C-alpha atoms as a PDB file:
ATOM      1  CA  MET A   1       0.000   0.000   0.000  1.00  0.00           C
ATOM      2  CA  THR A   2       1.142   3.489  -0.752  1.00  0.00           C
ATOM      3  CA  THR A   3       0.009   7.098  -0.607  1.00  0.00           C
ATOM      4  CA  VAL A   4       0.269   9.629  -3.404  1.00  0.00           C
ATOM      5  CA  THR A   5      -0.688  13.298  -3.458  1.00  0.00           C
ATOM      6  CA  ILE A   6      -2.269  14.723  -6.598  1.00  0.00           C
ATOM      7  CA  ALA A   7      -3.250  18.408  -6.832  1.00  0.00           C
ATOM      8  CA  GLY A   8      -3.142  18.688  -3.043  1.00  0.00           C
ATOM      9  CA  GLN A   9      -5.370  15.635  -2.442  1.00  0.00           C
ATOM     10  CA  GLU A  10      -3.788  12.693  -0.650  1.00  0.00           C
ATOM     11  CA  LEU A  11      -4.958   9.335  -2.012  1.00  0.00           C
ATOM     12  CA  HIS A  12      -4.462   5.873  -0.541  1.00  0.00           C
ATOM     13  CA  VAL A  13      -3.502   3.341  -3.210  1.00  0.00           C
ATOM     14  CA  VAL A  14      -3.319  -0.456  -3.105  1.00  0.00           C
ATOM     15  CA  ASP A  15      -0.347  -1.490  -5.271  1.00  0.00           C
ATOM     16  CA  ARG A  16       0.457  -5.198  -5.339  1.00  0.00           C
ATOM     17  CA  GLY A  17       1.928  -7.804  -7.646  1.00  0.00           C
ATOM     18  CA  ASN A  18       3.883  -7.596 -10.891  1.00  0.00           C
ATOM     19  CA  GLY A  19       2.953  -7.761 -14.538  1.00  0.00           C
ATOM     20  CA  ASP A  20       0.508  -5.912 -16.759  1.00  0.00           C
ATOM     21  CA  PRO A  21      -1.268  -3.269 -14.650  1.00  0.00           C
ATOM     22  CA  VAL A  22      -4.965  -3.454 -13.799  1.00  0.00           C
ATOM     23  CA  VAL A  23      -6.536  -0.452 -12.046  1.00  0.00           C
ATOM     24  CA  PHE A  24      -9.719  -0.864  -9.989  1.00  0.00           C
ATOM     25  CA  LEU A  25     -12.199   1.986  -9.386  1.00  0.00           C
ATOM     26  CA  HIS A  26     -14.688   1.383  -6.597  1.00  0.00           C
ATOM     27  CA  ALA A  27     -18.449   1.774  -6.431  1.00  0.00           C
ATOM     28  CA  PHE A  28     -20.418   4.067  -4.110  1.00  0.00           C
ATOM     29  CA  PRO A  29     -20.307   4.003  -1.138  1.00  0.00           C
ATOM     30  CA  PHE A  30     -17.393   1.575  -0.988  1.00  0.00           C
ATOM     31  CA  ASN A  31     -13.602   1.835  -1.251  1.00  0.00           C
ATOM     32  CA  ALA A  32     -10.662   0.014  -2.785  1.00  0.00           C
ATOM     33  CA  ALA A  33     -11.107  -2.923  -0.374  1.00  0.00           C
ATOM     34  CA  MET A  34     -14.235  -4.011  -2.282  1.00  0.00           C
ATOM     35  CA  TRP A  35     -11.876  -5.555  -4.855  1.00  0.00           C
ATOM     36  CA  GLU A  36      -9.899  -7.735  -2.434  1.00  0.00           C
ATOM     37  CA  TYR A  37     -11.104 -11.002  -4.024  1.00  0.00           C
ATOM     38  CA  GLN A  38      -9.901  -9.713  -7.392  1.00  0.00           C
ATOM     39  CA  TYR A  39      -6.504  -8.543  -6.101  1.00  0.00           C
ATOM     40  CA  ALA A  40      -5.912 -12.000  -4.636  1.00  0.00           C
ATOM     41  CA  ALA A  41      -6.874 -13.694  -7.907  1.00  0.00           C
ATOM     42  CA  LEU A  42      -4.686 -11.503 -10.123  1.00  0.00           C
ATOM     43  CA  GLU A  43      -1.622 -10.370  -8.173  1.00  0.00           C
ATOM     44  CA  ALA A  44       0.447 -13.455  -9.021  1.00  0.00           C
ATOM     45  CA  ASP A  45       0.788 -12.313 -12.635  1.00  0.00           C
ATOM     46  CA  HIS A  46      -0.603  -8.761 -12.744  1.00  0.00           C
ATOM     47  CA  ARG A  47       0.161  -5.507 -11.002  1.00  0.00           C
ATOM     48  CA  VAL A  48      -3.118  -4.619  -9.270  1.00  0.00           C
ATOM     49  CA  ILE A  49      -3.854  -1.042  -8.255  1.00  0.00           C
ATOM     50  CA  GLY A  50      -6.886   0.069  -6.243  1.00  0.00           C
ATOM     51  CA  ILE A  51      -7.567   3.719  -5.477  1.00  0.00           C
ATOM     52  CA  ASP A  52      -9.504   5.040  -2.467  1.00  0.00           C
ATOM     53  CA  LEU A  53     -11.267   8.110  -3.833  1.00  0.00           C
ATOM     54  CA  PRO A  54     -11.280  11.251  -1.627  1.00  0.00           C
ATOM     55  CA  GLY A  55     -12.991  10.563   1.686  1.00  0.00           C
ATOM     56  CA  PHE A  56     -13.221   6.805   1.090  1.00  0.00           C
ATOM     57  CA  GLY A  57     -11.220   4.050   2.759  1.00  0.00           C
ATOM     58  CA  SER A  58      -7.941   5.509   3.989  1.00  0.00           C
ATOM     59  CA  SER A  59      -7.951   8.623   1.774  1.00  0.00           C
ATOM     60  CA  PRO A  60      -8.521  11.900   3.644  1.00  0.00           C
ATOM     61  CA  ALA A  61     -11.656  13.922   3.071  1.00  0.00           C
ATOM     62  CA  PRO A  62     -11.739  16.387   0.181  1.00  0.00           C
ATOM     63  CA  ALA A  63     -11.289  20.013   1.140  1.00  0.00           C
ATOM     64  CA  ASN A  64     -14.619  21.009  -0.428  1.00  0.00           C
ATOM     65  CA  PRO A  65     -16.999  18.063  -0.937  1.00  0.00           C
ATOM     66  CA  LYS A  66     -19.599  20.158  -2.780  1.00  0.00           C
ATOM     67  CA  ALA A  67     -16.993  21.036  -5.436  1.00  0.00           C
ATOM     68  CA  ALA A  68     -16.445  17.373  -6.368  1.00  0.00           C
ATOM     69  CA  SER A  69     -17.000  16.298  -9.965  1.00  0.00           C
ATOM     70  CA  MET A  70     -16.284  13.256 -12.099  1.00  0.00           C
ATOM     71  CA  ASP A  71     -14.036  15.389 -14.302  1.00  0.00           C
ATOM     72  CA  ALA A  72     -11.916  16.478 -11.327  1.00  0.00           C
ATOM     73  CA  TRP A  73     -11.723  12.904 -10.075  1.00  0.00           C
ATOM     74  CA  ALA A  74     -10.714  11.725 -13.552  1.00  0.00           C
ATOM     75  CA  ASP A  75      -7.791  14.144 -13.393  1.00  0.00           C
ATOM     76  CA  LEU A  76      -6.822  12.746  -9.968  1.00  0.00           C
ATOM     77  CA  VAL A  77      -6.868   9.156 -11.221  1.00  0.00           C
ATOM     78  CA  VAL A  78      -4.794   9.998 -14.273  1.00  0.00           C
ATOM     79  CA  GLY A  79      -2.397  11.772 -11.913  1.00  0.00           C
ATOM     80  CA  VAL A  80      -2.043   8.475 -10.044  1.00  0.00           C
ATOM     81  CA  PHE A  81      -1.322   6.747 -13.366  1.00  0.00           C
ATOM     82  CA  ASP A  82       1.484   9.206 -14.030  1.00  0.00           C
ATOM     83  CA  GLU A  83       2.847   8.968 -10.485  1.00  0.00           C
ATOM     84  CA  LEU A  84       2.989   5.160 -10.666  1.00  0.00           C
ATOM     85  CA  GLY A  85       4.253   5.012 -14.242  1.00  0.00           C
ATOM     86  CA  LEU A  86       1.160   3.284 -15.655  1.00  0.00           C
ATOM     87  CA  ASP A  87       0.860   3.276 -19.443  1.00  0.00           C
ATOM     88  CA  GLN A  88      -2.725   2.687 -20.615  1.00  0.00           C
ATOM     89  CA  PRO A  89      -3.607   0.151 -17.908  1.00  0.00           C
ATOM     90  CA  THR A  90      -6.741  -1.953 -18.025  1.00  0.00           C
ATOM     91  CA  VAL A  91      -9.381  -0.196 -15.922  1.00  0.00           C
ATOM     92  CA  VAL A  92     -11.976  -2.209 -13.970  1.00  0.00           C
ATOM     93  CA  ALA A  93     -14.743   0.075 -12.749  1.00  0.00           C
ATOM     94  CA  ALA A  94     -17.974  -0.655 -10.862  1.00  0.00           C
ATOM     95  CA  SER A  95     -21.108   1.490 -10.758  1.00  0.00           C
ATOM     96  CA  MET A  96     -19.854   4.960  -9.689  1.00  0.00           C
ATOM     97  CA  GLY A  97     -16.399   3.845 -10.775  1.00  0.00           C
ATOM     98  CA  GLY A  98     -17.883   3.419 -14.235  1.00  0.00           C
ATOM     99  CA  TYR A  99     -19.072   7.031 -14.221  1.00  0.00           C
ATOM    100  CA  LEU A 100     -15.511   7.992 -13.377  1.00  0.00           C
ATOM    101  CA  ALA A 101     -14.174   5.804 -16.194  1.00  0.00           C
ATOM    102  CA  PHE A 102     -16.514   7.577 -18.624  1.00  0.00           C
ATOM    103  CA  ALA A 103     -15.046  10.921 -17.556  1.00  0.00           C
ATOM    104  CA  MET A 104     -11.559   9.502 -18.131  1.00  0.00           C
ATOM    105  CA  VAL A 105     -12.573   8.396 -21.627  1.00  0.00           C
ATOM    106  CA  ARG A 106     -13.896  11.873 -22.331  1.00  0.00           C
ATOM    107  CA  ARG A 107     -10.885  13.765 -20.926  1.00  0.00           C
ATOM    108  CA  HIS A 108      -7.927  11.366 -21.068  1.00  0.00           C
ATOM    109  CA  LEU A 109      -8.581   8.618 -23.612  1.00  0.00           C
ATOM    110  CA  ASP A 110      -4.880   8.515 -24.477  1.00  0.00           C
ATOM    111  CA  LYS A 111      -4.143   7.408 -20.886  1.00  0.00           C
ATOM    112  CA  VAL A 112      -6.754   4.651 -20.727  1.00  0.00           C
ATOM    113  CA  GLY A 113      -6.413   1.037 -21.850  1.00  0.00           C
ATOM    114  CA  PRO A 114      -9.091  -1.683 -22.127  1.00  0.00           C
ATOM    115  CA  LEU A 115     -12.156  -1.299 -19.919  1.00  0.00           C
ATOM    116  CA  VAL A 116     -14.153  -3.642 -17.701  1.00  0.00           C
ATOM    117  CA  LEU A 117     -17.389  -1.854 -16.792  1.00  0.00           C
ATOM    118  CA  VAL A 118     -19.390  -3.483 -14.001  1.00  0.00           C
ATOM    119  CA  ALA A 119     -23.024  -2.684 -13.155  1.00  0.00           C
ATOM    120  CA  THR A 120     -22.860   0.842 -14.525  1.00  0.00           C
ATOM    121  CA  ARG A 121     -24.861   3.015 -16.889  1.00  0.00           C
ATOM    122  CA  PRO A 122     -23.973   5.693 -19.454  1.00  0.00           C
ATOM    123  CA  LYS A 123     -26.971   7.947 -18.843  1.00  0.00           C
ATOM    124  CA  SER A 124     -26.983  10.852 -16.397  1.00  0.00           C
ATOM    125  CA  ASP A 125     -29.307  10.976 -13.375  1.00  0.00           C
ATOM    126  CA  ASP A 126     -33.002  11.600 -13.868  1.00  0.00           C
ATOM    127  CA  VAL A 127     -34.810  14.111 -11.649  1.00  0.00           C
ATOM    128  CA  ASP A 128     -35.933  11.537  -9.067  1.00  0.00           C
ATOM    129  CA  THR A 129     -32.404  10.175  -8.629  1.00  0.00           C
ATOM    130  CA  TRP A 130     -30.946  13.682  -8.445  1.00  0.00           C
ATOM    131  CA  GLU A 131     -33.388  14.567  -5.678  1.00  0.00           C
ATOM    132  CA  LYS A 132     -32.674  11.320  -3.803  1.00  0.00           C
ATOM    133  CA  ARG A 133     -28.941  12.021  -3.834  1.00  0.00           C
ATOM    134  CA  THR A 134     -29.561  15.573  -2.632  1.00  0.00           C
ATOM    135  CA  GLY A 135     -31.686  14.202   0.198  1.00  0.00           C
ATOM    136  CA  GLN A 136     -28.858  11.885   1.235  1.00  0.00           C
ATOM    137  CA  GLN A 137     -26.441  14.806   1.258  1.00  0.00           C
ATOM    138  CA  GLN A 138     -28.791  16.825   3.423  1.00  0.00           C
ATOM    139  CA  ALA A 139     -29.187  13.911   5.824  1.00  0.00           C
ATOM    140  CA  LEU A 140     -25.411  13.611   6.184  1.00  0.00           C
ATOM    141  CA  GLU A 141     -25.005  17.348   6.645  1.00  0.00           C
ATOM    142  CA  GLY A 142     -27.682  17.135   9.340  1.00  0.00           C
ATOM    143  CA  GLY A 143     -25.702  14.535  11.270  1.00  0.00           C
ATOM    144  CA  GLU A 144     -27.155  11.251   9.974  1.00  0.00           C
ATOM    145  CA  ASP A 145     -24.653   8.474  10.614  1.00  0.00           C
ATOM    146  CA  LEU A 146     -23.262   6.293   7.840  1.00  0.00           C
ATOM    147  CA  ALA A 147     -24.478   3.077   9.471  1.00  0.00           C
ATOM    148  CA  THR A 148     -28.116   4.130   9.202  1.00  0.00           C
ATOM    149  CA  LEU A 149     -27.794   5.168   5.565  1.00  0.00           C
ATOM    150  CA  ALA A 150     -25.845   2.011   4.699  1.00  0.00           C
ATOM    151  CA  LYS A 151     -28.496  -0.277   6.218  1.00  0.00           C
ATOM    152  CA  GLY A 152     -31.146   1.518   4.172  1.00  0.00           C
ATOM    153  CA  MET A 153     -29.220   0.875   0.941  1.00  0.00           C
ATOM    154  CA  VAL A 154     -28.025  -2.702   1.283  1.00  0.00           C
ATOM    155  CA  GLU A 155     -31.282  -4.406   0.227  1.00  0.00           C
ATOM    156  CA  ASN A 156     -31.097  -2.763  -3.191  1.00  0.00           C
ATOM    157  CA  LEU A 157     -27.435  -3.638  -3.644  1.00  0.00           C
ATOM    158  CA  LEU A 158     -27.651  -7.382  -3.030  1.00  0.00           C
ATOM    159  CA  SER A 159     -29.772 -10.191  -4.454  1.00  0.00           C
ATOM    160  CA  GLN A 160     -32.205 -12.025  -2.187  1.00  0.00           C
ATOM    161  CA  GLY A 161     -29.841 -14.984  -2.030  1.00  0.00           C
ATOM    162  CA  SER A 162     -26.985 -12.694  -1.015  1.00  0.00           C
ATOM    163  CA  LEU A 163     -29.129 -11.068   1.670  1.00  0.00           C
ATOM    164  CA  GLU A 164     -29.597 -14.513   3.200  1.00  0.00           C
ATOM    165  CA  ARG A 165     -25.812 -14.776   3.732  1.00  0.00           C
ATOM    166  CA  PRO A 166     -25.232 -12.812   6.974  1.00  0.00           C
ATOM    167  CA  GLU A 167     -21.433 -12.857   6.657  1.00  0.00           C
ATOM    168  CA  LEU A 168     -21.681 -11.192   3.231  1.00  0.00           C
ATOM    169  CA  VAL A 169     -24.190  -8.600   4.439  1.00  0.00           C
ATOM    170  CA  GLU A 170     -21.951  -7.737   7.399  1.00  0.00           C
ATOM    171  CA  TYR A 171     -18.921  -7.436   5.121  1.00  0.00           C
ATOM    172  CA  VAL A 172     -20.743  -5.163   2.681  1.00  0.00           C
ATOM    173  CA  LEU A 173     -22.008  -2.950   5.517  1.00  0.00           C
ATOM    174  CA  ALA A 174     -18.498  -2.733   6.960  1.00  0.00           C
ATOM    175  CA  LEU A 175     -17.108  -1.625   3.595  1.00  0.00           C
ATOM    176  CA  MET A 176     -19.823   1.028   3.277  1.00  0.00           C
ATOM    177  CA  GLN A 177     -19.104   2.436   6.720  1.00  0.00           C
ATOM    178  CA  HIS A 178     -15.294   2.538   6.446  1.00  0.00           C
ATOM    179  CA  ASN A 179     -15.518   5.933   4.793  1.00  0.00           C
ATOM    180  CA  LEU A 180     -16.057   9.563   5.788  1.00  0.00           C
ATOM    181  CA  PRO A 181     -19.313  11.541   5.552  1.00  0.00           C
ATOM    182  CA  GLU A 182     -17.447  14.110   3.450  1.00  0.00           C
ATOM    183  CA  GLY A 183     -16.566  11.346   1.001  1.00  0.00           C
ATOM    184  CA  TRP A 184     -20.206  10.328   0.651  1.00  0.00           C
ATOM    185  CA  ILE A 185     -21.252  13.967   0.153  1.00  0.00           C
ATOM    186  CA  ALA A 186     -18.558  14.506  -2.492  1.00  0.00           C
ATOM    187  CA  ALA A 187     -19.471  11.326  -4.363  1.00  0.00           C
ATOM    188  CA  LEU A 188     -23.172  12.176  -4.340  1.00  0.00           C
ATOM    189  CA  GLU A 189     -22.322  15.625  -5.718  1.00  0.00           C
ATOM    190  CA  ALA A 190     -20.148  14.174  -8.483  1.00  0.00           C
ATOM    191  CA  MET A 191     -22.716  11.539  -9.430  1.00  0.00           C
ATOM    192  CA  LYS A 192     -25.801  13.731  -9.518  1.00  0.00           C
ATOM    193  CA  ASN A 193     -24.120  16.361 -11.713  1.00  0.00           C
ATOM    194  CA  ARG A 194     -22.289  14.031 -14.111  1.00  0.00           C
ATOM    195  CA  PRO A 195     -23.045  14.489 -17.819  1.00  0.00           C
ATOM    196  CA  ASP A 196     -24.531  11.884 -20.093  1.00  0.00           C
ATOM    197  CA  ALA A 197     -21.717   9.626 -21.367  1.00  0.00           C
ATOM    198  CA  MET A 198     -23.297   8.205 -24.523  1.00  0.00           C
ATOM    199  CA  GLY A 199     -21.516  10.667 -26.796  1.00  0.00           C
ATOM    200  CA  ALA A 200     -18.129   9.871 -25.251  1.00  0.00           C
ATOM    201  CA  LEU A 201     -18.729   6.128 -25.597  1.00  0.00           C
ATOM    202  CA  ARG A 202     -20.029   6.148 -29.156  1.00  0.00           C
ATOM    203  CA  GLY A 203     -17.310   4.526 -31.263  1.00  0.00           C
ATOM    204  CA  MET A 204     -14.885   4.498 -28.297  1.00  0.00           C
ATOM    205  CA  PRO A 205     -12.006   2.322 -29.563  1.00  0.00           C
ATOM    206  CA  ARG A 206     -10.823   0.574 -26.394  1.00  0.00           C
ATOM    207  CA  LYS A 207     -11.718  -3.098 -26.048  1.00  0.00           C
ATOM    208  CA  THR A 208     -14.531  -3.229 -23.498  1.00  0.00           C
ATOM    209  CA  LEU A 209     -16.047  -5.948 -21.337  1.00  0.00           C
ATOM    210  CA  VAL A 210     -19.373  -5.063 -19.721  1.00  0.00           C
ATOM    211  CA  VAL A 211     -20.351  -7.171 -16.697  1.00  0.00           C
ATOM    212  CA  ALA A 212     -23.913  -7.209 -15.387  1.00  0.00           C
ATOM    213  CA  GLY A 213     -25.446  -8.913 -12.381  1.00  0.00           C
ATOM    214  CA  GLU A 214     -28.271 -11.218 -13.405  1.00  0.00           C
ATOM    215  CA  LEU A 215     -30.573  -9.847 -10.665  1.00  0.00           C
ATOM    216  CA  ASP A 216     -29.438  -6.216 -10.599  1.00  0.00           C
ATOM    217  CA  ARG A 217     -32.336  -3.932  -9.670  1.00  0.00           C
ATOM    218  CA  ILE A 218     -30.271  -0.731  -9.787  1.00  0.00           C
ATOM    219  CA  THR A 219     -28.728  -1.103 -13.250  1.00  0.00           C
ATOM    220  CA  PRO A 220     -31.077  -2.963 -15.612  1.00  0.00           C
ATOM    221  CA  LEU A 221     -29.562  -5.238 -18.237  1.00  0.00           C
ATOM    222  CA  ALA A 222     -30.696  -2.829 -20.964  1.00  0.00           C
ATOM    223  CA  GLU A 223     -28.231  -0.225 -19.644  1.00  0.00           C
ATOM    224  CA  SER A 224     -25.334  -2.684 -19.908  1.00  0.00           C
ATOM    225  CA  THR A 225     -26.425  -3.730 -23.391  1.00  0.00           C
ATOM    226  CA  LEU A 226     -26.488  -0.082 -24.456  1.00  0.00           C
ATOM    227  CA  ILE A 227     -22.798   0.318 -23.595  1.00  0.00           C
ATOM    228  CA  THR A 228     -21.826  -2.641 -25.802  1.00  0.00           C
ATOM    229  CA  ARG A 229     -23.747  -1.096 -28.687  1.00  0.00           C
ATOM    230  CA  LEU A 230     -22.095   2.280 -28.267  1.00  0.00           C
ATOM    231  CA  VAL A 231     -18.428   1.260 -28.080  1.00  0.00           C
ATOM    232  CA  ALA A 232     -16.493  -0.036 -31.079  1.00  0.00           C
ATOM    233  CA  ASP A 233     -15.505  -3.359 -29.488  1.00  0.00           C
ATOM    234  CA  GLY A 234     -17.803  -4.394 -26.649  1.00  0.00           C
ATOM    235  CA  ARG A 235     -18.845  -7.683 -25.092  1.00  0.00           C
ATOM    236  CA  LEU A 236     -21.468  -8.287 -22.408  1.00  0.00           C
ATOM    237  CA  THR A 237     -21.323 -10.999 -19.744  1.00  0.00           C
ATOM    238  CA  VAL A 238     -24.058 -11.652 -17.187  1.00  0.00           C
ATOM    239  CA  VAL A 239     -22.961 -13.111 -13.838  1.00  0.00           C
ATOM    240  CA  LYS A 240     -25.660 -15.291 -12.316  1.00  0.00           C
ATOM    241  CA  ASP A 241     -26.869 -15.247  -8.710  1.00  0.00           C
ATOM    242  CA  SER A 242     -25.757 -11.658  -8.226  1.00  0.00           C
ATOM    243  CA  SER A 243     -27.242  -8.188  -8.189  1.00  0.00           C
ATOM    244  CA  HIS A 244     -25.351  -4.869  -8.156  1.00  0.00           C
ATOM    245  CA  LEU A 245     -22.127  -6.242  -6.632  1.00  0.00           C
ATOM    246  CA  PRO A 246     -21.250  -9.342  -8.696  1.00  0.00           C
ATOM    247  CA  ASN A 247     -17.570  -9.218  -7.719  1.00  0.00           C
ATOM    248  CA  LEU A 248     -18.586  -9.683  -4.060  1.00  0.00           C
ATOM    249  CA  GLU A 249     -21.713 -11.813  -4.448  1.00  0.00           C
ATOM    250  CA  ASN A 250     -20.238 -14.327  -6.904  1.00  0.00           C
ATOM    251  CA  PRO A 251     -16.480 -13.700  -6.886  1.00  0.00           C
ATOM    252  CA  VAL A 252     -15.502 -17.078  -8.340  1.00  0.00           C
ATOM    253  CA  GLU A 253     -17.449 -16.603 -11.551  1.00  0.00           C
ATOM    254  CA  PHE A 254     -16.648 -12.900 -11.692  1.00  0.00           C
ATOM    255  CA  ASN A 255     -12.942 -13.693 -11.475  1.00  0.00           C
ATOM    256  CA  GLU A 256     -13.256 -16.307 -14.222  1.00  0.00           C
ATOM    257  CA  VAL A 257     -14.817 -13.683 -16.471  1.00  0.00           C
ATOM    258  CA  LEU A 258     -12.198 -11.078 -15.590  1.00  0.00           C
ATOM    259  CA  THR A 259      -9.179 -13.358 -16.002  1.00  0.00           C
ATOM    260  CA  GLY A 260     -10.567 -14.628 -19.303  1.00  0.00           C
ATOM    261  CA  PHE A 261     -10.855 -11.079 -20.603  1.00  0.00           C
ATOM    262  CA  LEU A 262      -7.345 -10.181 -19.448  1.00  0.00           C
ATOM    263  CA  ALA A 263      -5.985 -13.312 -21.145  1.00  0.00           C
ATOM    264  CA  SER A 264      -7.721 -12.316 -24.371  1.00  0.00           C
ATOM    265  CA  LEU A 265      -5.842  -9.019 -24.358  1.00  0.00           C
ATOM    266  CA  ALA A 266      -2.567 -10.906 -24.712  1.00  0.00           C
ATOM    267  CA  GLU A 267      -3.789 -12.819 -27.759  1.00  0.00           C
ATOM    268  CA  PRO A 268      -2.741 -11.527 -31.200  1.00  0.00           C
ATOM    269  CA  GLU A 269      -5.365  -9.615 -33.115  1.00  0.00           C
ATOM    270  CA  PRO A 270      -6.962 -11.693 -35.912  1.00  0.00           C
ATOM    271  CA  GLU A 271      -5.856 -10.833 -39.418  1.00  0.00           C
ATOM    272  CA  THR A 272      -8.165  -8.486 -41.228  1.00  0.00           C
ATOM    273  CA  THR A 273     -10.019 -10.125 -44.090  1.00  0.00           C
ATOM    274  CA  PRO A 274      -9.392  -8.310 -47.376  1.00  0.00           C
ATOM    275  CA  GLU A 275     -12.357  -6.265 -48.470  1.00  0.00           C
ATOM    276  CA  GLY A 276     -14.930  -8.453 -50.167  1.00  0.00           C
ATOM    277  CA  ALA A 277     -13.125 -11.718 -49.462  1.00  0.00           C
ATOM    278  CA  GLY A 278     -15.415 -14.359 -48.040  1.00  0.00           C
ATOM    279  CA  ALA A 279     -18.114 -11.849 -47.216  1.00  0.00           C
ATOM    280  CA  GLU A 280     -21.603 -13.165 -47.852  1.00  0.00           C
ATOM    281  CA  VAL A 281     -23.391 -10.177 -46.387  1.00  0.00           C
ATOM    282  CA  SER A 282     -22.189  -6.639 -46.799  1.00  0.00           C
ATOM    283  CA  GLY A 283     -23.100  -3.665 -44.650  1.00  0.00           C
ATOM    284  CA  ALA A 284     -24.615  -5.822 -41.895  1.00  0.00           C
ATOM    285  CA  GLU A 285     -23.992  -4.682 -38.330  1.00  0.00           C
ATOM    286  CA  ALA A 286     -22.312  -7.317 -36.163  1.00  0.00           C
ATOM    287  CA  PRO A 287     -24.308  -8.005 -32.997  1.00  0.00           C
ATOM    288  CA  GLU A 288     -22.620  -7.622 -29.647  1.00  0.00           C
ATOM    289  CA  THR A 289     -21.499 -10.799 -27.938  1.00  0.00           C
ATOM    290  CA  LEU A 290     -23.559 -11.926 -24.943  1.00  0.00           C
ATOM    291  CA  GLU A 291     -22.175 -14.488 -22.538  1.00  0.00           C
ATOM    292  CA  ARG A 292     -23.737 -15.846 -19.373  1.00  0.00           C
ATOM    293  CA  SER A 293     -21.604 -17.055 -16.534  1.00  0.00           C
END
């Protein structure tokens, strides 16, 4: 573990293993520890990097939470890339982390490598969601404790089967509470004011794996499918028996999907077929690939 300071903001960074780098961006309201199962699976042959965003995990609170934005956070993350000498690493991003990855695509595409987008959506918040996030901010500013808010959120984050596993529920709640109120407020501000990402993703050239939880009530499958249709090279995989946190609810299958994608990146690109050679249909759009795990 290490600490870096970017633009005056101290950030706690998990940095383990050796090999091709894989950067993990956490969901809300979690921290870099949510990826521990993935670090353990990859660190033998990959360099794994997890970043606690401002006010989450071991990173200090931001100076002005209400000034937070996905664009500013994208600049912080790219600053970490530069500080650690990372050249277009693979980025694995869940939910809010996906919103951050979209901002990185928009502002710093030259710094970003292949993407793994987990339980995230390209559209901006609707009015109801914006108002809900504002209400959460007001509750925190009024002294509401994180434990109460976390308990109110957990049922939407996990599948029914996951909710029946008390050790998993306790672990998820612990991750949600190991953060600062200022971090929650900043993240809510950044999320509710983020722009629509469909324009940035349309034709985006980086190889992209989209991972959806089979039972996700927060991010419907249609949102994940939309991403694969927007990017130039996208594939969708659905992880069974999981909701919004497939990497925690079904880590074995999630890790199989992730390691398979990383292995595919090392394979040589197929030779391009000369124009007109062996083509029976011309001008047809290739459908996105859908896999179920």
